[in-house]
Amino acid sequence: MPLPEDIDGLSPSELKELVLRLLQEVAQLRRTVAAQRDEIARLKGGPRRPNLRPSGMEQGTDAKPPESRQRHPRGDTRSKLAIDEERIIAVDGPPRGSRFKG
């Protein structure tokens, strides 16, 4: 739809419609230009537009629950032990219900 020749003669509602239509056209043209810039950068082998993630500031404004002190496990002490000697101990008889495995 072409622009009217006499803009002064338009009613306020017609002017609103014209402004809205022009704003939509400008937004579409901006999207087209951004897509073309990305395509040109891709064809030239240059850097593409980065994908920006949300900053996470909304999470930072929430109140944090009070932190309780937690104990840290000491870890496995068997891995730190060194075996110096092996002893074979004779047993009178194995306990009831057990079996000899070597």
PDB file of N, CA and C in Angstrom:
ATOM      1  N   MET A   1       0.851  -1.173   0.000  1.00  0.00           N
ATOM      2  CA  MET A   1       0.000   0.000   0.000  1.00  0.00           C
ATOM      3  C   MET A   1       0.897   1.236   0.000  1.00  0.00           C
ATOM      4  N   PRO A   2       0.790   2.068  -1.011  1.00  0.00           N
ATOM      5  CA  PRO A   2       1.656   3.253  -1.104  1.00  0.00           C
ATOM      6  C   PRO A   2       1.275   4.292  -0.045  1.00  0.00           C
ATOM      7  N   LEU A   3       2.239   5.141   0.271  1.00  0.00           N
ATOM      8  CA  LEU A   3       1.990   6.209   1.236  1.00  0.00           C
ATOM      9  C   LEU A   3       1.044   7.246   0.630  1.00  0.00           C
ATOM     10  N   PRO A   4       0.148   7.806   1.447  1.00  0.00           N
ATOM     11  CA  PRO A   4      -0.756   8.833   0.921  1.00  0.00           C
ATOM     12  C   PRO A   4       0.017  10.123   0.624  1.00  0.00           C
ATOM     13  N   GLU A   5      -0.464  10.847  -0.366  1.00  0.00           N
ATOM     14  CA  GLU A   5       0.221  12.087  -0.754  1.00  0.00           C
ATOM     15  C   GLU A   5       0.005  13.191   0.276  1.00  0.00           C
ATOM     16  N   ASP A   6      -1.196  13.258   0.857  1.00  0.00           N
ATOM     17  CA  ASP A   6      -1.505  14.316   1.820  1.00  0.00           C
ATOM     18  C   ASP A   6      -1.639  13.691   3.209  1.00  0.00           C
ATOM     19  N   ILE A   7      -0.525  13.695   3.983  1.00  0.00           N
ATOM     20  CA  ILE A   7      -0.536  13.105   5.327  1.00  0.00           C
ATOM     21  C   ILE A   7      -1.328  13.996   6.289  1.00  0.00           C
ATOM     22  N   ASP A   8      -1.336  15.309   6.034  1.00  0.00           N
ATOM     23  CA  ASP A   8      -2.052  16.218   6.930  1.00  0.00           C
ATOM     24  C   ASP A   8      -3.554  15.978   6.912  1.00  0.00           C
ATOM     25  N   GLY A   9      -4.077  15.432   5.860  1.00  0.00           N
ATOM     26  CA  GLY A   9      -5.511  15.219   5.734  1.00  0.00           C
ATOM     27  C   GLY A   9      -5.985  13.906   6.357  1.00  0.00           C
ATOM     28  N   LEU A  10      -5.091  13.102   6.933  1.00  0.00           N
ATOM     29  CA  LEU A  10      -5.490  11.823   7.517  1.00  0.00           C
ATOM     30  C   LEU A  10      -6.055  12.012   8.921  1.00  0.00           C
ATOM     31  N   SER A  11      -6.993  11.174   9.283  1.00  0.00           N
ATOM     32  CA  SER A  11      -7.558  11.212  10.630  1.00  0.00           C
ATOM     33  C   SER A  11      -6.572  10.549  11.597  1.00  0.00           C
ATOM     34  N   PRO A  12      -6.732  10.766  12.907  1.00  0.00           N
ATOM     35  CA  PRO A  12      -5.816  10.146  13.894  1.00  0.00           C
ATOM     36  C   PRO A  12      -5.805   8.623  13.827  1.00  0.00           C
ATOM     37  N   SER A  13      -6.936   8.003  13.577  1.00  0.00           N
ATOM     38  CA  SER A  13      -6.951   6.542  13.485  1.00  0.00           C
ATOM     39  C   SER A  13      -6.193   6.061  12.239  1.00  0.00           C
ATOM     40  N   GLU A  14      -6.320   6.790  11.121  1.00  0.00           N
ATOM     41  CA  GLU A  14      -5.570   6.436   9.918  1.00  0.00           C
ATOM     42  C   GLU A  14      -4.073   6.640  10.120  1.00  0.00           C
ATOM     43  N   LEU A  15      -3.712   7.687  10.868  1.00  0.00           N
ATOM     44  CA  LEU A  15      -2.296   7.921  11.161  1.00  0.00           C
ATOM     45  C   LEU A  15      -1.730   6.787  12.036  1.00  0.00           C
ATOM     46  N   LYS A  16      -2.515   6.326  13.014  1.00  0.00           N
ATOM     47  CA  LYS A  16      -2.076   5.217  13.862  1.00  0.00           C
ATOM     48  C   LYS A  16      -1.833   3.965  13.039  1.00  0.00           C
ATOM     49  N   GLU A  17      -2.759   3.675  12.144  1.00  0.00           N
ATOM     50  CA  GLU A  17      -2.612   2.497  11.283  1.00  0.00           C
ATOM     51  C   GLU A  17      -1.359   2.607  10.417  1.00  0.00           C
ATOM     52  N   LEU A  18      -1.106   3.811   9.896  1.00  0.00           N
ATOM     53  CA  LEU A  18       0.067   4.037   9.058  1.00  0.00           C
ATOM     54  C   LEU A  18       1.351   3.847   9.871  1.00  0.00           C
ATOM     55  N   VAL A  19       1.385   4.388  11.074  1.00  0.00           N
ATOM     56  CA  VAL A  19       2.573   4.269  11.926  1.00  0.00           C
ATOM     57  C   VAL A  19       2.822   2.811  12.290  1.00  0.00           C
ATOM     58  N   LEU A  20       1.773   2.075  12.644  1.00  0.00           N
ATOM     59  CA  LEU A  20       1.934   0.670  12.986  1.00  0.00           C
ATOM     60  C   LEU A  20       2.444  -0.148  11.798  1.00  0.00           C
ATOM     61  N   ARG A  21       1.905   0.130  10.629  1.00  0.00           N
ATOM     62  CA  ARG A  21       2.342  -0.587   9.437  1.00  0.00           C
ATOM     63  C   ARG A  21       3.806  -0.283   9.130  1.00  0.00           C
ATOM     64  N   LEU A  22       4.195   0.979   9.283  1.00  0.00           N
ATOM     65  CA  LEU A  22       5.587   1.351   9.021  1.00  0.00           C
ATOM     66  C   LEU A  22       6.532   0.745  10.065  1.00  0.00           C
ATOM     67  N   LEU A  23       6.110   0.677  11.317  1.00  0.00           N
ATOM     68  CA  LEU A  23       6.948   0.067  12.355  1.00  0.00           C
ATOM     69  C   LEU A  23       7.141  -1.425  12.095  1.00  0.00           C
ATOM     70  N   GLN A  24       6.091  -2.099  11.638  1.00  0.00           N
ATOM     71  CA  GLN A  24       6.222  -3.515  11.301  1.00  0.00           C
ATOM     72  C   GLN A  24       7.176  -3.708  10.133  1.00  0.00           C
ATOM     73  N   GLU A  25       7.093  -2.816   9.170  1.00  0.00           N
ATOM     74  CA  GLU A  25       7.978  -2.915   8.014  1.00  0.00           C
ATOM     75  C   GLU A  25       9.430  -2.673   8.412  1.00  0.00           C
ATOM     76  N   VAL A  26       9.655  -1.714   9.301  1.00  0.00           N
ATOM     77  CA  VAL A  26      11.016  -1.436   9.780  1.00  0.00           C
ATOM     78  C   VAL A  26      11.569  -2.637  10.537  1.00  0.00           C
ATOM     79  N   ALA A  27      10.753  -3.264  11.382  1.00  0.00           N
ATOM     80  CA  ALA A  27      11.200  -4.436  12.128  1.00  0.00           C
ATOM     81  C   ALA A  27      11.557  -5.576  11.187  1.00  0.00           C
ATOM     82  N   GLN A  28      10.754  -5.787  10.156  1.00  0.00           N
ATOM     83  CA  GLN A  28      11.045  -6.836   9.176  1.00  0.00           C
ATOM     84  C   GLN A  28      12.337  -6.539   8.432  1.00  0.00           C
ATOM     85  N   LEU A  29      12.547  -5.290   8.069  1.00  0.00           N
ATOM     86  CA  LEU A  29      13.769  -4.915   7.357  1.00  0.00           C
ATOM     87  C   LEU A  29      15.002  -5.103   8.247  1.00  0.00           C
ATOM     88  N   ARG A  30      14.880  -4.805   9.538  1.00  0.00           N
ATOM     89  CA  ARG A  30      16.005  -5.010  10.464  1.00  0.00           C
ATOM     90  C   ARG A  30      16.344  -6.489  10.582  1.00  0.00           C
ATOM     91  N   ARG A  31      15.328  -7.357  10.639  1.00  0.00           N
ATOM     92  CA  ARG A  31      15.593  -8.790  10.684  1.00  0.00           C
ATOM     93  C   ARG A  31      16.285  -9.254   9.406  1.00  0.00           C
ATOM     94  N   THR A  32      15.849  -8.711   8.273  1.00  0.00           N
ATOM     95  CA  THR A  32      16.463  -9.076   7.000  1.00  0.00           C
ATOM     96  C   THR A  32      17.920  -8.640   6.947  1.00  0.00           C
ATOM     97  N   VAL A  33      18.204  -7.434   7.405  1.00  0.00           N
ATOM     98  CA  VAL A  33      19.579  -6.923   7.401  1.00  0.00           C
ATOM     99  C   VAL A  33      20.458  -7.763   8.322  1.00  0.00           C
ATOM    100  N   ALA A  34      19.960  -8.132   9.502  1.00  0.00           N
ATOM    101  CA  ALA A  34      20.744  -8.956  10.423  1.00  0.00           C
ATOM    102  C   ALA A  34      21.039 -10.318   9.807  1.00  0.00           C
ATOM    103  N   ALA A  35      20.052 -10.907   9.136  1.00  0.00           N
ATOM    104  CA  ALA A  35      20.267 -12.209   8.491  1.00  0.00           C
ATOM    105  C   ALA A  35      21.283 -12.086   7.363  1.00  0.00           C
ATOM    106  N   GLN A  36      21.220 -11.008   6.618  1.00  0.00           N
ATOM    107  CA  GLN A  36      22.172 -10.809   5.529  1.00  0.00           C
ATOM    108  C   GLN A  36      23.584 -10.584   6.064  1.00  0.00           C
ATOM    109  N   ARG A  37      23.719  -9.861   7.173  1.00  0.00           N
ATOM    110  CA  ARG A  37      25.045  -9.663   7.778  1.00  0.00           C
ATOM    111  C   ARG A  37      25.625 -10.984   8.253  1.00  0.00           C
ATOM    112  N   ASP A  38      24.793 -11.828   8.860  1.00  0.00           N
ATOM    113  CA  ASP A  38      25.260 -13.143   9.283  1.00  0.00           C
ATOM    114  C   ASP A  38      25.704 -13.972   8.081  1.00  0.00           C
ATOM    115  N   GLU A  39      24.948 -13.917   7.014  1.00  0.00           N
ATOM    116  CA  GLU A  39      25.288 -14.682   5.817  1.00  0.00           C
ATOM    117  C   GLU A  39      26.589 -14.180   5.196  1.00  0.00           C
ATOM    118  N   ILE A  40      26.786 -12.870   5.172  1.00  0.00           N
ATOM    119  CA  ILE A  40      28.020 -12.303   4.628  1.00  0.00           C
ATOM    120  C   ILE A  40      29.206 -12.724   5.490  1.00  0.00           C
ATOM    121  N   ALA A  41      29.050 -12.678   6.817  1.00  0.00           N
ATOM    122  CA  ALA A  41      30.130 -13.093   7.706  1.00  0.00           C
ATOM    123  C   ALA A  41      30.445 -14.574   7.520  1.00  0.00           C
ATOM    124  N   ARG A  42      29.427 -15.396   7.310  1.00  0.00           N
ATOM    125  CA  ARG A  42      29.642 -16.826   7.100  1.00  0.00           C
ATOM    126  C   ARG A  42      30.383 -17.067   5.791  1.00  0.00           C
ATOM    127  N   LEU A  43      29.988 -16.339   4.744  1.00  0.00           N
ATOM    128  CA  LEU A  43      30.634 -16.525   3.455  1.00  0.00           C
ATOM    129  C   LEU A  43      32.081 -16.032   3.465  1.00  0.00           C
ATOM    130  N   LYS A  44      32.374 -14.993   4.208  1.00  0.00           N
ATOM    131  CA  LYS A  44      33.738 -14.481   4.314  1.00  0.00           C
ATOM    132  C   LYS A  44      34.598 -15.330   5.243  1.00  0.00           C
ATOM    133  N   GLY A  45      33.949 -16.190   6.017  1.00  0.00           N
ATOM    134  CA  GLY A  45      34.705 -17.018   6.953  1.00  0.00           C
ATOM    135  C   GLY A  45      35.002 -16.304   8.260  1.00  0.00           C
ATOM    136  N   GLY A  46      34.350 -15.220   8.504  1.00  0.00           N
ATOM    137  CA  GLY A  46      34.570 -14.461   9.727  1.00  0.00           C
ATOM    138  C   GLY A  46      33.760 -15.009  10.881  1.00  0.00           C
ATOM    139  N   PRO A  47      33.874 -14.360  12.022  1.00  0.00           N
ATOM    140  CA  PRO A  47      33.133 -14.845  13.188  1.00  0.00           C
ATOM    141  C   PRO A  47      31.639 -14.591  13.041  1.00  0.00           C
ATOM    142  N   ARG A  48      30.864 -15.557  13.531  1.00  0.00           N
ATOM    143  CA  ARG A  48      29.414 -15.412  13.488  1.00  0.00           C
ATOM    144  C   ARG A  48      28.950 -14.638  14.710  1.00  0.00           C
ATOM    145  N   ARG A  49      27.714 -14.271  14.706  1.00  0.00           N
ATOM    146  CA  ARG A  49      27.126 -13.578  15.848  1.00  0.00           C
ATOM    147  C   ARG A  49      27.054 -14.568  17.008  1.00  0.00           C
ATOM    148  N   PRO A  50      27.532 -14.177  18.206  1.00  0.00           N
ATOM    149  CA  PRO A  50      27.543 -15.121  19.325  1.00  0.00           C
ATOM    150  C   PRO A  50      26.143 -15.381  19.863  1.00  0.00           C
ATOM    151  N   ASN A  51      25.940 -16.601  20.385  1.00  0.00           N
ATOM    152  CA  ASN A  51      24.679 -16.934  21.039  1.00  0.00           C
ATOM    153  C   ASN A  51      24.793 -16.498  22.492  1.00  0.00           C
ATOM    154  N   LEU A  52      24.039 -15.488  22.868  1.00  0.00           N
ATOM    155  CA  LEU A  52      24.109 -14.959  24.226  1.00  0.00           C
ATOM    156  C   LEU A  52      23.081 -15.649  25.100  1.00  0.00           C
ATOM    157  N   ARG A  53      23.526 -16.081  26.270  1.00  0.00           N
ATOM    158  CA  ARG A  53      22.637 -16.739  27.214  1.00  0.00           C
ATOM    159  C   ARG A  53      22.134 -15.716  28.224  1.00  0.00           C
ATOM    160  N   PRO A  54      21.056 -16.022  28.915  1.00  0.00           N
ATOM    161  CA  PRO A  54      20.592 -15.119  29.969  1.00  0.00           C
ATOM    162  C   PRO A  54      21.658 -14.969  31.034  1.00  0.00           C
ATOM    163  N   SER A  55      21.709 -13.810  31.657  1.00  0.00           N
ATOM    164  CA  SER A  55      22.794 -13.507  32.584  1.00  0.00           C
ATOM    165  C   SER A  55      22.655 -14.217  33.918  1.00  0.00           C
ATOM    166  N   GLY A  56      21.476 -14.580  34.313  1.00  0.00           N
ATOM    167  CA  GLY A  56      21.301 -15.234  35.600  1.00  0.00           C
ATOM    168  C   GLY A  56      21.164 -14.253  36.753  1.00  0.00           C
ATOM    169  N   MET A  57      20.994 -12.986  36.450  1.00  0.00           N
ATOM    170  CA  MET A  57      20.862 -11.986  37.513  1.00  0.00           C
ATOM    171  C   MET A  57      19.566 -12.187  38.295  1.00  0.00           C
ATOM    172  N   GLU A  58      18.550 -12.771  37.661  1.00  0.00           N
ATOM    173  CA  GLU A  58      17.293 -13.006  38.365  1.00  0.00           C
ATOM    174  C   GLU A  58      17.506 -13.990  39.505  1.00  0.00           C
ATOM    175  N   GLN A  59      18.378 -14.948  39.303  1.00  0.00           N
ATOM    176  CA  GLN A  59      18.659 -15.923  40.345  1.00  0.00           C
ATOM    177  C   GLN A  59      19.432 -15.283  41.493  1.00  0.00           C
ATOM    178  N   GLY A  60      20.259 -14.299  41.176  1.00  0.00           N
ATOM    179  CA  GLY A  60      21.084 -13.670  42.201  1.00  0.00           C
ATOM    180  C   GLY A  60      20.289 -12.784  43.142  1.00  0.00           C
ATOM    181  N   THR A  61      19.088 -12.368  42.764  1.00  0.00           N
ATOM    182  CA  THR A  61      18.324 -11.473  43.622  1.00  0.00           C
ATOM    183  C   THR A  61      17.500 -12.232  44.653  1.00  0.00           C
ATOM    184  N   ASP A  62      17.351 -13.558  44.497  1.00  0.00           N
ATOM    185  CA  ASP A  62      16.584 -14.337  45.465  1.00  0.00           C
ATOM    186  C   ASP A  62      17.374 -14.476  46.767  1.00  0.00           C
ATOM    187  N   ALA A  63      16.647 -14.549  47.871  1.00  0.00           N
ATOM    188  CA  ALA A  63      17.297 -14.730  49.163  1.00  0.00           C
ATOM    189  C   ALA A  63      17.812 -16.156  49.261  1.00  0.00           C
ATOM    190  N   LYS A  64      19.052 -16.308  49.713  1.00  0.00           N
ATOM    191  CA  LYS A  64      19.641 -17.627  49.837  1.00  0.00           C
ATOM    192  C   LYS A  64      19.319 -18.197  51.214  1.00  0.00           C
ATOM    193  N   PRO A  65      19.045 -19.489  51.285  1.00  0.00           N
ATOM    194  CA  PRO A  65      18.812 -20.091  52.595  1.00  0.00           C
ATOM    195  C   PRO A  65      20.127 -20.123  53.377  1.00  0.00           C
ATOM    196  N   PRO A  66      20.040 -20.065  54.708  1.00  0.00           N
ATOM    197  CA  PRO A  66      21.275 -20.097  55.485  1.00  0.00           C
ATOM    198  C   PRO A  66      22.003 -21.423  55.275  1.00  0.00           C
ATOM    199  N   GLU A  67      23.299 -21.325  55.073  1.00  0.00           N
ATOM    200  CA  GLU A  67      24.090 -22.517  54.794  1.00  0.00           C
ATOM    201  C   GLU A  67      24.519 -23.171  56.102  1.00  0.00           C
ATOM    202  N   SER A  68      24.323 -24.474  56.182  1.00  0.00           N
ATOM    203  CA  SER A  68      24.780 -25.203  57.355  1.00  0.00           C
ATOM    204  C   SER A  68      26.141 -25.804  57.032  1.00  0.00           C
ATOM    205  N   ARG A  69      26.973 -25.900  58.048  1.00  0.00           N
ATOM    206  CA  ARG A  69      28.299 -26.467  57.839  1.00  0.00           C
ATOM    207  C   ARG A  69      28.172 -27.965  57.652  1.00  0.00           C
ATOM    208  N   GLN A  70      28.785 -28.454  56.630  1.00  0.00           N
ATOM    209  CA  GLN A  70      28.733 -29.878  56.361  1.00  0.00           C
ATOM    210  C   GLN A  70      30.127 -30.458  56.581  1.00  0.00           C
ATOM    211  N   ARG A  71      30.140 -31.673  57.126  1.00  0.00           N
ATOM    212  CA  ARG A  71      31.412 -32.340  57.333  1.00  0.00           C
ATOM    213  C   ARG A  71      31.877 -32.928  56.007  1.00  0.00           C
ATOM    214  N   HIS A  72      33.150 -32.838  55.781  1.00  0.00           N
ATOM    215  CA  HIS A  72      33.734 -33.431  54.590  1.00  0.00           C
ATOM    216  C   HIS A  72      34.284 -34.803  54.955  1.00  0.00           C
ATOM    217  N   PRO A  73      34.007 -35.802  54.156  1.00  0.00           N
ATOM    218  CA  PRO A  73      34.544 -37.129  54.455  1.00  0.00           C
ATOM    219  C   PRO A  73      36.064 -37.118  54.344  1.00  0.00           C
ATOM    220  N   ARG A  74      36.693 -37.941  55.151  1.00  0.00           N
ATOM    221  CA  ARG A  74      38.152 -37.954  55.197  1.00  0.00           C
ATOM    222  C   ARG A  74      38.759 -38.730  54.057  1.00  0.00           C
ATOM    223  N   GLY A  75      38.008 -39.569  53.430  1.00  0.00           N
ATOM    224  CA  GLY A  75      38.545 -40.329  52.313  1.00  0.00           C
ATOM    225  C   GLY A  75      38.959 -41.727  52.745  1.00  0.00           C
ATOM    226  N   ASP A  76      39.405 -42.496  51.804  1.00  0.00           N
ATOM    227  CA  ASP A  76      39.782 -43.876  52.044  1.00  0.00           C
ATOM    228  C   ASP A  76      41.209 -43.922  52.577  1.00  0.00           C
ATOM    229  N   THR A  77      41.382 -44.484  53.757  1.00  0.00           N
ATOM    230  CA  THR A  77      42.722 -44.560  54.343  1.00  0.00           C
ATOM    231  C   THR A  77      43.458 -45.811  53.901  1.00  0.00           C
ATOM    232  N   ARG A  78      42.766 -46.791  53.350  1.00  0.00           N
ATOM    233  CA  ARG A  78      43.434 -48.013  52.903  1.00  0.00           C
ATOM    234  C   ARG A  78      44.392 -47.737  51.751  1.00  0.00           C
ATOM    235  N   SER A  79      44.062 -46.780  50.918  1.00  0.00           N
ATOM    236  CA  SER A  79      44.938 -46.494  49.787  1.00  0.00           C
ATOM    237  C   SER A  79      46.249 -45.875  50.251  1.00  0.00           C
ATOM    238  N   LYS A  80      46.301 -45.324  51.449  1.00  0.00           N
ATOM    239  CA  LYS A  80      47.515 -44.689  51.964  1.00  0.00           C
ATOM    240  C   LYS A  80      48.406 -45.677  52.712  1.00  0.00           C
ATOM    241  N   LEU A  81      47.869 -46.853  53.059  1.00  0.00           N
ATOM    242  CA  LEU A  81      48.630 -47.834  53.815  1.00  0.00           C
ATOM    243  C   LEU A  81      49.558 -48.616  52.897  1.00  0.00           C
ATOM    244  N   ALA A  82      50.714 -48.946  53.423  1.00  0.00           N
ATOM    245  CA  ALA A  82      51.657 -49.797  52.703  1.00  0.00           C
ATOM    246  C   ALA A  82      51.781 -51.122  53.465  1.00  0.00           C
ATOM    247  N   ILE A  83      51.683 -52.251  52.750  1.00  0.00           N
ATOM    248  CA  ILE A  83      51.769 -53.560  53.383  1.00  0.00           C
ATOM    249  C   ILE A  83      53.230 -53.979  53.393  1.00  0.00           C
ATOM    250  N   ASP A  84      53.769 -54.190  54.628  1.00  0.00           N
ATOM    251  CA  ASP A  84      55.176 -54.547  54.772  1.00  0.00           C
ATOM    252  C   ASP A  84      55.389 -56.058  54.808  1.00  0.00           C
ATOM    253  N   GLU A  85      54.503 -56.793  55.456  1.00  0.00           N
ATOM    254  CA  GLU A  85      54.677 -58.230  55.562  1.00  0.00           C
ATOM    255  C   GLU A  85      53.331 -58.923  55.602  1.00  0.00           C
ATOM    256  N   GLU A  86      53.349 -60.198  55.266  1.00  0.00           N
ATOM    257  CA  GLU A  86      52.143 -61.006  55.319  1.00  0.00           C
ATOM    258  C   GLU A  86      52.352 -62.096  56.347  1.00  0.00           C
ATOM    259  N   ARG A  87      51.342 -62.367  57.155  1.00  0.00           N
ATOM    260  CA  ARG A  87      51.406 -63.416  58.180  1.00  0.00           C
ATOM    261  C   ARG A  87      50.268 -64.398  57.951  1.00  0.00           C
ATOM    262  N   ILE A  88      50.596 -65.673  58.109  1.00  0.00           N
ATOM    263  CA  ILE A  88      49.571 -66.705  58.039  1.00  0.00           C
ATOM    264  C   ILE A  88      49.328 -67.167  59.465  1.00  0.00           C
ATOM    265  N   ILE A  89      48.100 -67.097  59.907  1.00  0.00           N
ATOM    266  CA  ILE A  89      47.736 -67.448  61.280  1.00  0.00           C
ATOM    267  C   ILE A  89      46.905 -68.716  61.237  1.00  0.00           C
ATOM    268  N   ALA A  90      47.337 -69.699  62.021  1.00  0.00           N
ATOM    269  CA  ALA A  90      46.617 -70.967  62.077  1.00  0.00           C
ATOM    270  C   ALA A  90      45.428 -70.834  63.011  1.00  0.00           C
ATOM    271  N   VAL A  91      44.308 -71.402  62.583  1.00  0.00           N
ATOM    272  CA  VAL A  91      43.081 -71.349  63.364  1.00  0.00           C
ATOM    273  C   VAL A  91      42.719 -72.784  63.725  1.00  0.00           C
ATOM    274  N   ASP A  92      42.249 -72.982  64.958  1.00  0.00           N
ATOM    275  CA  ASP A  92      41.895 -74.328  65.395  1.00  0.00           C
ATOM    276  C   ASP A  92      40.836 -74.924  64.479  1.00  0.00           C
ATOM    277  N   GLY A  93      39.850 -74.205  64.221  1.00  0.00           N
ATOM    278  CA  GLY A  93      38.779 -74.674  63.358  1.00  0.00           C
ATOM    279  C   GLY A  93      38.018 -73.466  62.856  1.00  0.00           C
ATOM    280  N   PRO A  94      37.565 -73.516  61.622  1.00  0.00           N
ATOM    281  CA  PRO A  94      36.819 -72.353  61.127  1.00  0.00           C
ATOM    282  C   PRO A  94      35.487 -72.230  61.852  1.00  0.00           C
ATOM    283  N   PRO A  95      34.963 -71.029  61.916  1.00  0.00           N
ATOM    284  CA  PRO A  95      33.663 -70.851  62.571  1.00  0.00           C
ATOM    285  C   PRO A  95      32.579 -71.625  61.836  1.00  0.00           C
ATOM    286  N   ARG A  96      31.528 -71.969  62.565  1.00  0.00           N
ATOM    287  CA  ARG A  96      30.447 -72.747  61.980  1.00  0.00           C
ATOM    288  C   ARG A  96      29.782 -71.948  60.846  1.00  0.00           C
ATOM    289  N   GLY A  97      29.501 -72.631  59.723  1.00  0.00           N
ATOM    290  CA  GLY A  97      28.826 -71.996  58.601  1.00  0.00           C
ATOM    291  C   GLY A  97      29.799 -71.352  57.604  1.00  0.00           C
ATOM    292  N   SER A  98      31.116 -71.383  57.893  1.00  0.00           N
ATOM    293  CA  SER A  98      32.062 -70.773  56.974  1.00  0.00           C
ATOM    294  C   SER A  98      32.756 -71.860  56.162  1.00  0.00           C
ATOM    295  N   ARG A  99      33.425 -71.484  55.110  1.00  0.00           N
ATOM    296  CA  ARG A  99      34.143 -72.450  54.296  1.00  0.00           C
ATOM    297  C   ARG A  99      35.502 -71.892  53.929  1.00  0.00           C
ATOM    298  N   PHE A 100      36.430 -72.757  53.653  1.00  0.00           N
ATOM    299  CA  PHE A 100      37.787 -72.392  53.339  1.00  0.00           C
ATOM    300  C   PHE A 100      37.883 -72.013  51.850  1.00  0.00           C
ATOM    301  N   LYS A 101      38.449 -70.833  51.587  1.00  0.00           N
ATOM    302  CA  LYS A 101      38.550 -70.354  50.193  1.00  0.00           C
ATOM    303  C   LYS A 101      39.980 -70.282  49.711  1.00  0.00           C
ATOM    304  N   GLY A 102      40.910 -70.839  50.439  1.00  0.00           N
ATOM    305  CA  GLY A 102      42.290 -70.853  49.961  1.00  0.00           C
ATOM    306  C   GLY A 102      43.127 -70.143  50.909  1.00  0.00           C
TER     307      GLY A 102
END
